[in-house]
Amino acid sequence: MDEVKKLLEGFAEEAADGLPPADIDADVARGRRALRRIKRRRRVTGVLCVAAASAAVLAFGNQVKWWGGAGNQPVAGGESEPSVAASGSPAGSTAPSAKASEGTMSLFSTSVELVANQQTWNTIGCTLAPVGWAPEKPIAANRVVLAQPEMRTAEVATKVVLERRGTAMALSAVRVTDEGGKAFHIGTVDGRLAGQVKLADDWLLVEAPAGNTAWTDETVRRFLASCTIN
């Protein structure tokens, strides 16, 4: 400020004739007031800028929340209305739960695993057997019922039945496959998947558990192909 005062005094000495003498002290005072006003404006402007930036951030955050965040479809309606995303799933829903996924995998299992079998079931013998299934005792001469150990039901429709028959069973929706010189007949009996093949003078029938989609045409055919009648 002293430098400004010296500059003003220099201008005053060189002032043109006829002009009133310059009031240096008054000019310096006005200059100081002007500087204080400029500083106050700068402080106010800085505060306003910070406030504006904060408001912009809050507004953007609310907008993101309103639209469901990045990667989600826009939803219709306000918060008081139930909204459905464009994909048809409820807004905010995620991937299916583990339980739902496990149920789906179980429902659409590819097939039952067949492993080597060393047992002979009376007059029926099979070199393959489904994993986790064992014959119920006592075993009849011409009929074997396989069940899982955890089963606590007497309902035969939930089990695997092997039966030696003198005549063929009437199957619905029959599919015939010739393999190894044998004709395998696959169809349904009372809604259950079943298969039969003629061995010498008798027929061997296999009935899969009702509603168990893990048993397929291929599983039944392979199981039958491993069996003989003694």
Protein backbone atom coordinates (compact mmCIF):
# COMPACT_ATOMS: atom_id res chain seq x y z
CA MET A 1 0.00 0.00 0.00
CA ASP A 2 2.96 2.39 0.64
CA GLU A 3 4.07 1.89 -2.95
CA VAL A 4 0.57 2.88 -4.14
CA LYS A 5 0.70 6.01 -1.99
CA LYS A 6 4.08 7.01 -3.48
CA LEU A 7 2.68 6.46 -6.98
CA LEU A 8 -0.34 8.66 -6.26
CA GLU A 9 1.91 11.42 -4.85
CA GLY A 10 3.96 11.31 -8.05
CA PHE A 11 0.78 11.70 -10.12
CA ALA A 12 -0.30 14.59 -7.92
CA GLU A 13 2.98 16.47 -8.48
CA GLU A 14 2.51 16.14 -12.22
CA ALA A 15 -1.14 17.18 -12.16
CA ALA A 16 -2.20 19.74 -14.71
CA ASP A 17 -2.62 23.34 -13.70
CA GLY A 18 -6.09 24.42 -12.67
CA LEU A 19 -7.08 21.11 -11.13
CA PRO A 20 -7.75 20.87 -7.36
CA PRO A 21 -4.92 19.35 -5.35
CA ALA A 22 -5.16 15.58 -4.91
CA ASP A 23 -6.11 14.17 -1.49
CA ILE A 24 -3.62 11.31 -1.31
CA ASP A 25 -4.71 10.00 2.09
CA ALA A 26 -8.37 9.88 1.02
CA ASP A 27 -7.46 8.04 -2.16
CA VAL A 28 -5.42 5.50 -0.21
CA ALA A 29 -8.31 4.98 2.24
CA ARG A 30 -10.72 4.42 -0.66
CA GLY A 31 -8.26 1.96 -2.15
CA ARG A 32 -8.04 0.02 1.09
CA ARG A 33 -11.83 -0.15 1.34
CA ALA A 34 -12.00 -1.36 -2.23
CA LEU A 35 -9.43 -4.08 -1.49
CA ARG A 36 -11.41 -5.24 1.56
CA ARG A 37 -14.60 -5.42 -0.52
CA ILE A 38 -12.77 -7.47 -3.17
CA LYS A 39 -11.48 -9.88 -0.51
CA ARG A 40 -14.99 -10.23 0.98
CA ARG A 41 -16.42 -10.97 -2.47
CA ARG A 42 -13.78 -13.63 -3.06
CA ARG A 43 -14.57 -15.34 0.25
CA VAL A 44 -18.31 -15.26 -0.47
CA THR A 45 -17.75 -16.52 -4.01
CA GLY A 46 -15.60 -19.41 -2.71
CA VAL A 47 -18.30 -20.41 -0.22
CA LEU A 48 -20.96 -20.24 -2.92
CA CYS A 49 -18.84 -22.38 -5.25
CA VAL A 50 -18.39 -25.05 -2.56
CA ALA A 51 -22.10 -24.99 -1.81
CA ALA A 52 -22.97 -25.28 -5.50
CA ALA A 53 -20.59 -28.20 -5.96
CA SER A 54 -22.06 -29.99 -2.92
CA ALA A 55 -25.57 -29.44 -4.22
CA ALA A 56 -24.59 -30.84 -7.61
CA VAL A 57 -23.11 -33.97 -6.01
CA LEU A 58 -26.23 -34.52 -3.89
CA ALA A 59 -28.50 -33.97 -6.88
CA PHE A 60 -26.51 -36.47 -8.98
CA GLY A 61 -26.57 -39.02 -6.15
CA ASN A 62 -30.33 -38.69 -5.84
CA GLN A 63 -30.71 -39.07 -9.58
CA VAL A 64 -28.63 -42.27 -9.55
CA LYS A 65 -30.71 -43.62 -6.67
CA TRP A 66 -33.92 -42.67 -8.50
CA TRP A 67 -32.92 -44.51 -11.65
CA GLY A 68 -31.76 -47.61 -9.80
CA GLY A 69 -28.01 -47.13 -10.16
CA ALA A 70 -25.65 -48.00 -13.01
CA GLY A 71 -26.49 -51.07 -15.04
CA ASN A 72 -30.20 -51.20 -14.00
CA GLN A 73 -33.14 -50.45 -16.22
CA PRO A 74 -35.08 -47.24 -15.53
CA VAL A 75 -38.19 -47.93 -13.48
CA ALA A 76 -41.60 -46.40 -13.81
CA GLY A 77 -43.54 -44.85 -10.98
CA GLY A 78 -42.42 -43.37 -7.70
CA GLU A 79 -41.17 -45.02 -4.55
CA SER A 80 -44.73 -45.56 -3.34
CA GLU A 81 -45.56 -47.72 -6.38
CA PRO A 82 -44.27 -51.26 -6.98
CA SER A 83 -42.09 -51.12 -10.06
CA VAL A 84 -41.08 -53.86 -12.49
CA ALA A 85 -37.84 -53.72 -14.51
CA ALA A 86 -37.93 -54.07 -18.28
CA SER A 87 -36.70 -57.64 -18.02
CA GLY A 88 -39.88 -58.66 -16.17
CA SER A 89 -38.20 -59.13 -12.77
CA PRO A 90 -39.16 -57.02 -9.74
CA ALA A 91 -37.07 -53.89 -9.34
CA GLY A 92 -34.08 -54.51 -7.15
CA SER A 93 -34.22 -58.26 -7.66
CA THR A 94 -31.01 -60.17 -8.05
CA ALA A 95 -29.94 -63.53 -9.44
CA PRO A 96 -31.94 -66.58 -8.32
CA SER A 97 -31.12 -67.80 -4.83
CA ALA A 98 -28.92 -70.82 -4.25
CA LYS A 99 -31.92 -72.90 -3.21
CA ALA A 100 -33.77 -72.11 -6.44
CA SER A 101 -30.70 -72.94 -8.50
CA GLU A 102 -30.17 -76.22 -6.64
CA GLY A 103 -33.80 -77.19 -7.21
CA THR A 104 -33.50 -76.46 -10.91
CA MET A 105 -30.32 -78.51 -11.26
CA SER A 106 -31.92 -81.42 -9.42
CA LEU A 107 -35.04 -81.26 -11.56
CA PHE A 108 -33.09 -81.34 -14.81
CA SER A 109 -30.35 -83.81 -13.84
CA THR A 110 -28.95 -85.51 -16.95
CA SER A 111 -29.26 -89.12 -15.84
CA VAL A 112 -28.77 -91.65 -13.10
CA GLU A 113 -25.24 -93.02 -12.73
CA LEU A 114 -24.97 -96.77 -13.36
CA VAL A 115 -22.03 -98.65 -11.82
CA ALA A 116 -20.81 -102.24 -11.76
CA ASN A 117 -22.97 -104.63 -9.75
CA GLN A 118 -21.73 -107.91 -8.26
CA GLN A 119 -25.02 -109.06 -6.75
CA THR A 120 -27.51 -111.53 -8.21
CA TRP A 121 -31.15 -110.79 -7.51
CA ASN A 122 -32.66 -114.26 -7.47
CA THR A 123 -33.55 -115.18 -11.07
CA ILE A 124 -32.66 -111.67 -12.31
CA GLY A 125 -29.05 -110.62 -12.61
CA CYS A 126 -27.68 -107.25 -13.82
CA THR A 127 -24.04 -106.26 -14.25
CA LEU A 128 -25.00 -102.60 -13.75
CA ALA A 129 -26.98 -100.97 -10.95
CA PRO A 130 -28.02 -97.37 -10.20
CA VAL A 131 -25.87 -95.63 -7.58
CA GLY A 132 -27.65 -95.24 -4.24
CA TRP A 133 -30.34 -97.84 -4.93
CA ALA A 134 -30.45 -101.23 -3.15
CA PRO A 135 -32.86 -104.19 -3.30
CA GLU A 136 -35.56 -104.42 -0.67
CA LYS A 137 -35.62 -107.66 1.32
CA PRO A 138 -36.92 -110.25 0.90
CA ILE A 139 -36.32 -110.48 -2.85
CA ALA A 140 -39.04 -112.30 -4.77
CA ALA A 141 -38.15 -114.93 -7.38
CA ASN A 142 -39.26 -112.90 -10.39
CA ARG A 143 -39.44 -109.33 -9.02
CA VAL A 144 -36.86 -106.97 -7.56
CA VAL A 145 -37.69 -103.60 -5.98
CA LEU A 146 -34.83 -101.12 -5.63
CA ALA A 147 -35.11 -98.26 -3.15
CA GLN A 148 -32.88 -95.57 -1.72
CA PRO A 149 -31.86 -96.08 1.94
CA GLU A 150 -33.41 -92.82 3.09
CA MET A 151 -36.83 -93.73 1.67
CA ARG A 152 -39.50 -94.14 4.32
CA THR A 153 -42.44 -95.05 2.12
CA ALA A 154 -44.05 -98.24 0.91
CA GLU A 155 -45.24 -96.56 -2.28
CA VAL A 156 -43.82 -98.72 -5.09
CA ALA A 157 -44.32 -95.94 -7.65
CA THR A 158 -41.40 -94.06 -6.07
CA LYS A 159 -39.00 -97.00 -6.51
CA VAL A 160 -37.34 -98.95 -9.32
CA VAL A 161 -39.05 -102.20 -10.22
CA LEU A 162 -37.47 -105.08 -12.17
CA GLU A 163 -39.92 -107.80 -13.15
CA ARG A 164 -39.70 -111.02 -15.10
CA ARG A 165 -42.88 -111.55 -17.12
CA GLY A 166 -44.25 -114.24 -19.42
CA THR A 167 -45.87 -111.62 -21.66
CA ALA A 168 -44.97 -108.07 -22.60
CA MET A 169 -46.45 -105.13 -20.73
CA ALA A 170 -48.63 -102.74 -22.74
CA LEU A 171 -46.59 -99.49 -22.87
CA SER A 172 -47.77 -96.06 -24.02
CA ALA A 173 -45.85 -93.91 -26.53
CA VAL A 174 -43.45 -96.76 -27.33
CA ARG A 175 -39.97 -96.09 -28.78
CA VAL A 176 -38.12 -99.15 -30.08
CA THR A 177 -34.32 -99.34 -30.26
CA ASP A 178 -32.47 -102.33 -31.75
CA GLU A 179 -29.05 -102.98 -30.24
CA GLY A 180 -26.93 -106.11 -29.83
CA GLY A 181 -29.59 -108.26 -31.44
CA LYS A 182 -32.22 -107.11 -28.91
CA ALA A 183 -35.21 -104.82 -29.35
CA PHE A 184 -35.63 -102.44 -26.42
CA HIS A 185 -39.13 -101.04 -25.99
CA ILE A 186 -39.23 -97.75 -24.06
CA GLY A 187 -42.51 -96.07 -23.10
CA THR A 188 -44.67 -95.29 -20.08
CA VAL A 189 -46.85 -97.28 -17.66
CA ASP A 190 -49.35 -95.22 -15.68
CA GLY A 191 -47.23 -92.15 -16.36
CA ARG A 192 -43.98 -93.81 -15.24
CA LEU A 193 -41.03 -94.22 -17.59
CA ALA A 194 -40.59 -97.94 -18.35
CA GLY A 195 -38.68 -100.24 -20.65
CA GLN A 196 -38.79 -103.91 -21.56
CA VAL A 197 -36.81 -106.40 -23.61
CA LYS A 198 -37.42 -110.01 -24.55
CA LEU A 199 -34.84 -112.47 -23.18
CA ALA A 200 -35.33 -116.04 -24.44
CA ASP A 201 -38.98 -116.89 -23.72
CA ASP A 202 -39.62 -114.20 -21.12
CA TRP A 203 -39.76 -110.42 -20.95
CA LEU A 204 -37.80 -108.30 -18.51
CA LEU A 205 -39.52 -105.05 -17.46
CA VAL A 206 -37.99 -102.03 -15.73
CA GLU A 207 -40.17 -99.28 -14.26
CA ALA A 208 -38.45 -96.02 -13.22
CA PRO A 209 -39.60 -93.94 -10.22
CA ALA A 210 -42.60 -91.76 -10.96
CA GLY A 211 -41.72 -88.11 -11.59
CA ASN A 212 -37.96 -88.71 -11.37
CA THR A 213 -36.57 -86.94 -14.45
CA ALA A 214 -33.05 -88.20 -13.74
CA TRP A 215 -34.15 -91.49 -15.28
CA THR A 216 -34.01 -91.18 -19.06
CA ASP A 217 -34.63 -93.47 -22.04
CA GLU A 218 -30.89 -94.05 -22.29
CA THR A 219 -30.57 -94.94 -18.59
CA VAL A 220 -33.40 -97.47 -18.76
CA ARG A 221 -32.03 -99.01 -21.97
CA ARG A 222 -28.48 -99.37 -20.55
CA PHE A 223 -29.83 -100.87 -17.34
CA LEU A 224 -31.91 -103.40 -19.26
CA ALA A 225 -29.03 -104.26 -21.58
CA SER A 226 -26.92 -105.33 -18.58
CA CYS A 227 -29.56 -107.72 -17.21
CA THR A 228 -30.15 -111.45 -17.77
CA ILE A 229 -32.73 -113.96 -16.61
CA ASN A 230 -31.45 -117.16 -14.98
